[in-house]
Structure formats: structure tokens, C-alpha cells
Amino acid sequence: MYKDVVLGGDVWDLLDDLMIYMRNPMQYYEKEVKFVRGVLLSGPPGMGETLFARTLAKESGMPFLFLILIVGI
């Protein structure tokens, strides 16, 4: 599914670092390394934020929760 995601710049390196952490969090915890606890994706509709999040979750083996916020109800 990685092949479906187009990223620019150094984002692939950041993604690889995040994947290593998500697959082996205990190795960081044992060494008392601080790591980001979350990722915020933002952008206009249709730019691939959901695809990126689904890909990240699938590749890391983590669950993916897709929530839709409806304002004004």
C-alpha cells in the first residue's frame, strides 16, 4: 500500500522513523527516549490525509479509527 502514497521532501524519512517506533515502542521506552505521541494531518479535502493515515496504520499493524465530525447538529 506504500506505493499508493505520494510524499515529498524528507517526509519518507520521517515516515520510516515513525514506523520503526510504532513497530517497536518498547525499545525506545527502555532507553527512555522521548518520541512524538501522535501525528496531526491537515489539508484540503482530497489531498490524501486519510490514505496516508490508513497506510501508516496498516503498515505498522496499528488500528485505524476514522471519525467524521459533523458540526451544527
PDB file of N, CA and C in Angstrom:
ATOM      1  N   MET A   1       0.820  -1.197   0.000  1.00  0.00           N
ATOM      2  CA  MET A   1       0.000   0.000   0.000  1.00  0.00           C
ATOM      3  C   MET A   1       0.863   1.260   0.000  1.00  0.00           C
ATOM      4  N   TYR A   2       2.124   1.158   0.405  1.00  0.00           N
ATOM      5  CA  TYR A   2       3.030   2.306   0.365  1.00  0.00           C
ATOM      6  C   TYR A   2       3.092   2.915  -1.030  1.00  0.00           C
ATOM      7  N   LYS A   3       3.034   2.083  -2.050  1.00  0.00           N
ATOM      8  CA  LYS A   3       3.177   2.579  -3.415  1.00  0.00           C
ATOM      9  C   LYS A   3       2.037   3.512  -3.811  1.00  0.00           C
ATOM     10  N   ASP A   4       0.916   3.476  -3.085  1.00  0.00           N
ATOM     11  CA  ASP A   4      -0.225   4.337  -3.381  1.00  0.00           C
ATOM     12  C   ASP A   4      -0.067   5.745  -2.816  1.00  0.00           C
ATOM     13  N   VAL A   5       0.906   5.955  -1.937  1.00  0.00           N
ATOM     14  CA  VAL A   5       1.074   7.241  -1.267  1.00  0.00           C
ATOM     15  C   VAL A   5       2.220   8.013  -1.909  1.00  0.00           C
ATOM     16  N   VAL A   6       1.940   9.260  -2.286  1.00  0.00           N
ATOM     17  CA  VAL A   6       2.961  10.132  -2.865  1.00  0.00           C
ATOM     18  C   VAL A   6       3.321  11.169  -1.809  1.00  0.00           C
ATOM     19  N   LEU A   7       4.589  11.205  -1.433  1.00  0.00           N
ATOM     20  CA  LEU A   7       5.064  12.147  -0.422  1.00  0.00           C
ATOM     21  C   LEU A   7       6.234  12.936  -0.982  1.00  0.00           C
ATOM     22  N   GLY A   8       6.415  14.153  -0.495  1.00  0.00           N
ATOM     23  CA  GLY A   8       7.510  14.978  -0.972  1.00  0.00           C
ATOM     24  C   GLY A   8       8.559  15.214   0.091  1.00  0.00           C
ATOM     25  N   GLY A   9       9.713  15.681  -0.354  1.00  0.00           N
ATOM     26  CA  GLY A   9      10.785  16.068   0.550  1.00  0.00           C
ATOM     27  C   GLY A   9      11.274  14.945   1.438  1.00  0.00           C
ATOM     28  N   ASP A  10      11.501  15.281   2.700  1.00  0.00           N
ATOM     29  CA  ASP A  10      12.025  14.321   3.673  1.00  0.00           C
ATOM     30  C   ASP A  10      10.916  13.572   4.406  1.00  0.00           C
ATOM     31  N   VAL A  11       9.698  13.649   3.913  1.00  0.00           N
ATOM     32  CA  VAL A  11       8.573  13.022   4.602  1.00  0.00           C
ATOM     33  C   VAL A  11       8.739  11.513   4.670  1.00  0.00           C
ATOM     34  N   TRP A  12       9.327  10.895   3.638  1.00  0.00           N
ATOM     35  CA  TRP A  12       9.546   9.439   3.664  1.00  0.00           C
ATOM     36  C   TRP A  12      10.458   9.051   4.822  1.00  0.00           C
ATOM     37  N   ASP A  13      11.508   9.851   5.078  1.00  0.00           N
ATOM     38  CA  ASP A  13      12.408   9.562   6.200  1.00  0.00           C
ATOM     39  C   ASP A  13      11.660   9.654   7.529  1.00  0.00           C
ATOM     40  N   LEU A  14      10.824  10.677   7.672  1.00  0.00           N
ATOM     41  CA  LEU A  14      10.038  10.822   8.894  1.00  0.00           C
ATOM     42  C   LEU A  14       9.064   9.660   9.054  1.00  0.00           C
ATOM     43  N   LEU A  15       8.474   9.238   7.949  1.00  0.00           N
ATOM     44  CA  LEU A  15       7.552   8.104   7.985  1.00  0.00           C
ATOM     45  C   LEU A  15       8.277   6.835   8.411  1.00  0.00           C
ATOM     46  N   ASP A  16       9.467   6.608   7.871  1.00  0.00           N
ATOM     47  CA  ASP A  16      10.239   5.420   8.249  1.00  0.00           C
ATOM     48  C   ASP A  16      10.577   5.432   9.739  1.00  0.00           C
ATOM     49  N   ASP A  17      10.976   6.600  10.265  1.00  0.00           N
ATOM     50  CA  ASP A  17      11.270   6.713  11.698  1.00  0.00           C
ATOM     51  C   ASP A  17      10.028   6.404  12.529  1.00  0.00           C
ATOM     52  N   LEU A  18       8.900   6.932  12.101  1.00  0.00           N
ATOM     53  CA  LEU A  18       7.656   6.693  12.822  1.00  0.00           C
ATOM     54  C   LEU A  18       7.266   5.220  12.779  1.00  0.00           C
ATOM     55  N   MET A  19       7.456   4.584  11.640  1.00  0.00           N
ATOM     56  CA  MET A  19       7.130   3.160  11.500  1.00  0.00           C
ATOM     57  C   MET A  19       8.004   2.300  12.414  1.00  0.00           C
ATOM     58  N   ILE A  20       9.284   2.615  12.489  1.00  0.00           N
ATOM     59  CA  ILE A  20      10.192   1.867  13.368  1.00  0.00           C
ATOM     60  C   ILE A  20       9.713   1.981  14.811  1.00  0.00           C
ATOM     61  N   TYR A  21       9.335   3.197  15.220  1.00  0.00           N
ATOM     62  CA  TYR A  21       8.847   3.391  16.580  1.00  0.00           C
ATOM     63  C   TYR A  21       7.544   2.627  16.822  1.00  0.00           C
ATOM     64  N   MET A  22       6.611   2.723  15.878  1.00  0.00           N
ATOM     65  CA  MET A  22       5.306   2.089  16.069  1.00  0.00           C
ATOM     66  C   MET A  22       5.410   0.571  16.117  1.00  0.00           C
ATOM     67  N   ARG A  23       6.378   0.015  15.421  1.00  0.00           N
ATOM     68  CA  ARG A  23       6.552  -1.440  15.426  1.00  0.00           C
ATOM     69  C   ARG A  23       7.301  -1.927  16.663  1.00  0.00           C
ATOM     70  N   ASN A  24       8.150  -1.078  17.258  1.00  0.00           N
ATOM     71  CA  ASN A  24       8.981  -1.484  18.403  1.00  0.00           C
ATOM     72  C   ASN A  24       9.018  -0.400  19.485  1.00  0.00           C
ATOM     73  N   PRO A  25       7.899  -0.002  20.049  1.00  0.00           N
ATOM     74  CA  PRO A  25       7.923   1.093  21.019  1.00  0.00           C
ATOM     75  C   PRO A  25       8.698   0.769  22.295  1.00  0.00           C
ATOM     76  N   MET A  26       8.758  -0.502  22.686  1.00  0.00           N
ATOM     77  CA  MET A  26       9.442  -0.856  23.933  1.00  0.00           C
ATOM     78  C   MET A  26      10.938  -0.587  23.878  1.00  0.00           C
ATOM     79  N   GLN A  27      11.553  -0.715  22.711  1.00  0.00           N
ATOM     80  CA  GLN A  27      12.994  -0.458  22.633  1.00  0.00           C
ATOM     81  C   GLN A  27      13.287   1.017  22.920  1.00  0.00           C
ATOM     82  N   TYR A  28      12.354   1.903  22.595  1.00  0.00           N
ATOM     83  CA  TYR A  28      12.533   3.324  22.908  1.00  0.00           C
ATOM     84  C   TYR A  28      12.205   3.593  24.369  1.00  0.00           C
ATOM     85  N   TYR A  29      11.159   2.947  24.863  1.00  0.00           N
ATOM     86  CA  TYR A  29      10.742   3.127  26.248  1.00  0.00           C
ATOM     87  C   TYR A  29      11.845   2.685  27.207  1.00  0.00           C
ATOM     88  N   GLU A  30      12.462   1.544  26.919  1.00  0.00           N
ATOM     89  CA  GLU A  30      13.517   1.012  27.783  1.00  0.00           C
ATOM     90  C   GLU A  30      14.729   1.937  27.840  1.00  0.00           C
ATOM     91  N   LYS A  31      14.987   2.673  26.767  1.00  0.00           N
ATOM     92  CA  LYS A  31      16.126   3.602  26.721  1.00  0.00           C
ATOM     93  C   LYS A  31      15.719   5.017  27.118  1.00  0.00           C
ATOM     94  N   GLU A  32      14.457   5.171  27.548  1.00  0.00           N
ATOM     95  CA  GLU A  32      13.901   6.452  27.981  1.00  0.00           C
ATOM     96  C   GLU A  32      14.000   7.525  26.905  1.00  0.00           C
ATOM     97  N   VAL A  33      13.810   7.126  25.654  1.00  0.00           N
ATOM     98  CA  VAL A  33      13.826   8.067  24.535  1.00  0.00           C
ATOM     99  C   VAL A  33      12.426   8.648  24.388  1.00  0.00           C
ATOM    100  N   LYS A  34      12.337   9.968  24.329  1.00  0.00           N
ATOM    101  CA  LYS A  34      11.048  10.630  24.134  1.00  0.00           C
ATOM    102  C   LYS A  34      10.715  10.601  22.648  1.00  0.00           C
ATOM    103  N   PHE A  35       9.471  10.308  22.337  1.00  0.00           N
ATOM    104  CA  PHE A  35       9.045  10.255  20.943  1.00  0.00           C
ATOM    105  C   PHE A  35       7.666  10.885  20.828  1.00  0.00           C
ATOM    106  N   VAL A  36       7.355  11.384  19.665  1.00  0.00           N
ATOM    107  CA  VAL A  36       6.071  12.015  19.407  1.00  0.00           C
ATOM    108  C   VAL A  36       4.939  11.028  19.687  1.00  0.00           C
ATOM    109  N   ARG A  37       3.905  11.496  20.363  1.00  0.00           N
ATOM    110  CA  ARG A  37       2.796  10.619  20.739  1.00  0.00           C
ATOM    111  C   ARG A  37       1.671  10.614  19.713  1.00  0.00           C
ATOM    112  N   GLY A  38       1.768  11.425  18.691  1.00  0.00           N
ATOM    113  CA  GLY A  38       0.693  11.468  17.704  1.00  0.00           C
ATOM    114  C   GLY A  38       1.125  12.225  16.468  1.00  0.00           C
ATOM    115  N   VAL A  39       0.279  12.158  15.465  1.00  0.00           N
ATOM    116  CA  VAL A  39       0.537  12.838  14.203  1.00  0.00           C
ATOM    117  C   VAL A  39      -0.734  13.570  13.818  1.00  0.00           C
ATOM    118  N   LEU A  40      -0.608  14.846  13.469  1.00  0.00           N
ATOM    119  CA  LEU A  40      -1.750  15.626  13.014  1.00  0.00           C
ATOM    120  C   LEU A  40      -1.618  15.832  11.517  1.00  0.00           C
ATOM    121  N   LEU A  41      -2.608  15.365  10.779  1.00  0.00           N
ATOM    122  CA  LEU A  41      -2.630  15.542   9.331  1.00  0.00           C
ATOM    123  C   LEU A  41      -3.685  16.587   9.004  1.00  0.00           C
ATOM    124  N   SER A  42      -3.318  17.566   8.209  1.00  0.00           N
ATOM    125  CA  SER A  42      -4.294  18.584   7.829  1.00  0.00           C
ATOM    126  C   SER A  42      -4.098  18.961   6.370  1.00  0.00           C
ATOM    127  N   GLY A  43      -5.151  19.423   5.772  1.00  0.00           N
ATOM    128  CA  GLY A  43      -5.102  19.843   4.383  1.00  0.00           C
ATOM    129  C   GLY A  43      -6.495  19.864   3.804  1.00  0.00           C
ATOM    130  N   PRO A  44      -6.615  20.436   2.628  1.00  0.00           N
ATOM    131  CA  PRO A  44      -7.931  20.472   1.993  1.00  0.00           C
ATOM    132  C   PRO A  44      -8.390  19.072   1.603  1.00  0.00           C
ATOM    133  N   PRO A  45      -9.689  18.880   1.441  1.00  0.00           N
ATOM    134  CA  PRO A  45     -10.207  17.565   1.050  1.00  0.00           C
ATOM    135  C   PRO A  45      -9.566  17.067  -0.248  1.00  0.00           C
ATOM    136  N   GLY A  46      -9.305  15.769  -0.278  1.00  0.00           N
ATOM    137  CA  GLY A  46      -8.777  15.158  -1.493  1.00  0.00           C
ATOM    138  C   GLY A  46      -7.269  15.159  -1.627  1.00  0.00           C
ATOM    139  N   MET A  47      -6.538  15.550  -0.581  1.00  0.00           N
ATOM    140  CA  MET A  47      -5.078  15.627  -0.663  1.00  0.00           C
ATOM    141  C   MET A  47      -4.381  14.368  -0.156  1.00  0.00           C
ATOM    142  N   GLY A  48      -5.131  13.410   0.396  1.00  0.00           N
ATOM    143  CA  GLY A  48      -4.547  12.132   0.774  1.00  0.00           C
ATOM    144  C   GLY A  48      -4.275  11.921   2.244  1.00  0.00           C
ATOM    145  N   GLU A  49      -4.823  12.772   3.099  1.00  0.00           N
ATOM    146  CA  GLU A  49      -4.579  12.595   4.534  1.00  0.00           C
ATOM    147  C   GLU A  49      -5.110  11.248   5.024  1.00  0.00           C
ATOM    148  N   THR A  50      -6.315  10.885   4.613  1.00  0.00           N
ATOM    149  CA  THR A  50      -6.909   9.621   5.056  1.00  0.00           C
ATOM    150  C   THR A  50      -6.145   8.432   4.494  1.00  0.00           C
ATOM    151  N   LEU A  51      -5.760   8.494   3.229  1.00  0.00           N
ATOM    152  CA  LEU A  51      -4.977   7.414   2.625  1.00  0.00           C
ATOM    153  C   LEU A  51      -3.658   7.236   3.364  1.00  0.00           C
ATOM    154  N   PHE A  52      -2.997   8.349   3.690  1.00  0.00           N
ATOM    155  CA  PHE A  52      -1.737   8.294   4.427  1.00  0.00           C
ATOM    156  C   PHE A  52      -1.949   7.646   5.792  1.00  0.00           C
ATOM    157  N   ALA A  53      -2.999   8.062   6.505  1.00  0.00           N
ATOM    158  CA  ALA A  53      -3.272   7.515   7.838  1.00  0.00           C
ATOM    159  C   ALA A  53      -3.595   6.025   7.772  1.00  0.00           C
ATOM    160  N   ARG A  54      -4.401   5.633   6.802  1.00  0.00           N
ATOM    161  CA  ARG A  54      -4.730   4.207   6.645  1.00  0.00           C
ATOM    162  C   ARG A  54      -3.475   3.392   6.332  1.00  0.00           C
ATOM    163  N   THR A  55      -2.633   3.925   5.461  1.00  0.00           N
ATOM    164  CA  THR A  55      -1.394   3.235   5.095  1.00  0.00           C
ATOM    165  C   THR A  55      -0.482   3.091   6.302  1.00  0.00           C
ATOM    166  N   LEU A  56      -0.317   4.164   7.052  1.00  0.00           N
ATOM    167  CA  LEU A  56       0.521   4.138   8.248  1.00  0.00           C
ATOM    168  C   LEU A  56       0.008   3.101   9.239  1.00  0.00           C
ATOM    169  N   ALA A  57      -1.291   3.078   9.460  1.00  0.00           N
ATOM    170  CA  ALA A  57      -1.876   2.112  10.396  1.00  0.00           C
ATOM    171  C   ALA A  57      -1.687   0.681   9.904  1.00  0.00           C
ATOM    172  N   LYS A  58      -1.951   0.447   8.636  1.00  0.00           N
ATOM    173  CA  LYS A  58      -1.833  -0.911   8.096  1.00  0.00           C
ATOM    174  C   LYS A  58      -0.396  -1.411   8.158  1.00  0.00           C
ATOM    175  N   GLU A  59       0.551  -0.587   7.736  1.00  0.00           N
ATOM    176  CA  GLU A  59       1.952  -0.999   7.707  1.00  0.00           C
ATOM    177  C   GLU A  59       2.519  -1.229   9.102  1.00  0.00           C
ATOM    178  N   SER A  60       1.999  -0.497  10.094  1.00  0.00           N
ATOM    179  CA  SER A  60       2.510  -0.641  11.459  1.00  0.00           C
ATOM    180  C   SER A  60       1.748  -1.689  12.259  1.00  0.00           C
ATOM    181  N   GLY A  61       0.626  -2.162  11.723  1.00  0.00           N
ATOM    182  CA  GLY A  61      -0.182  -3.132  12.451  1.00  0.00           C
ATOM    183  C   GLY A  61      -1.047  -2.510  13.529  1.00  0.00           C
ATOM    184  N   MET A  62      -1.196  -1.196  13.495  1.00  0.00           N
ATOM    185  CA  MET A  62      -1.995  -0.485  14.488  1.00  0.00           C
ATOM    186  C   MET A  62      -3.419  -0.318  13.976  1.00  0.00           C
ATOM    187  N   PRO A  63      -4.393  -0.172  14.895  1.00  0.00           N
ATOM    188  CA  PRO A  63      -5.770   0.047  14.451  1.00  0.00           C
ATOM    189  C   PRO A  63      -5.943   1.440  13.845  1.00  0.00           C
ATOM    190  N   PHE A  64      -6.888   1.561  12.946  1.00  0.00           N
ATOM    191  CA  PHE A  64      -7.200   2.847  12.317  1.00  0.00           C
ATOM    192  C   PHE A  64      -8.641   3.191  12.640  1.00  0.00           C
ATOM    193  N   LEU A  65      -8.848   4.334  13.272  1.00  0.00           N
ATOM    194  CA  LEU A  65     -10.193   4.805  13.596  1.00  0.00           C
ATOM    195  C   LEU A  65     -10.481   6.026  12.743  1.00  0.00           C
ATOM    196  N   PHE A  66     -11.520   5.951  11.942  1.00  0.00           N
ATOM    197  CA  PHE A  66     -11.900   7.060  11.069  1.00  0.00           C
ATOM    198  C   PHE A  66     -13.146   7.704  11.649  1.00  0.00           C
ATOM    199  N   LEU A  67     -13.021   8.934  12.100  1.00  0.00           N
ATOM    200  CA  LEU A  67     -14.133   9.645  12.725  1.00  0.00           C
ATOM    201  C   LEU A  67     -14.552  10.803  11.836  1.00  0.00           C
ATOM    202  N   ILE A  68     -15.843  10.982  11.688  1.00  0.00           N
ATOM    203  CA  ILE A  68     -16.373  12.100  10.916  1.00  0.00           C
ATOM    204  C   ILE A  68     -17.021  13.067  11.897  1.00  0.00           C
ATOM    205  N   LEU A  69     -16.588  14.309  11.864  1.00  0.00           N
ATOM    206  CA  LEU A  69     -17.125  15.334  12.743  1.00  0.00           C
ATOM    207  C   LEU A  69     -18.168  16.125  11.971  1.00  0.00           C
ATOM    208  N   ILE A  70     -19.373  16.152  12.486  1.00  0.00           N
ATOM    209  CA  ILE A  70     -20.441  16.918  11.857  1.00  0.00           C
ATOM    210  C   ILE A  70     -20.783  18.063  12.799  1.00  0.00           C
ATOM    211  N   VAL A  71     -20.603  19.274  12.325  1.00  0.00           N
ATOM    212  CA  VAL A  71     -20.835  20.459  13.140  1.00  0.00           C
ATOM    213  C   VAL A  71     -22.244  20.986  12.872  1.00  0.00           C
ATOM    214  N   GLY A  72     -22.925  21.408  13.918  1.00  0.00           N
ATOM    215  CA  GLY A  72     -24.212  22.057  13.760  1.00  0.00           C
ATOM    216  C   GLY A  72     -25.422  21.156  13.919  1.00  0.00           C
ATOM    217  N   ILE A  73     -25.214  19.954  14.385  1.00  0.00           N
ATOM    218  CA  ILE A  73     -26.367  19.062  14.584  1.00  0.00           C
ATOM    219  C   ILE A  73     -26.766  19.082  16.038  1.00  0.00           C
TER     220      ILE A  73
END
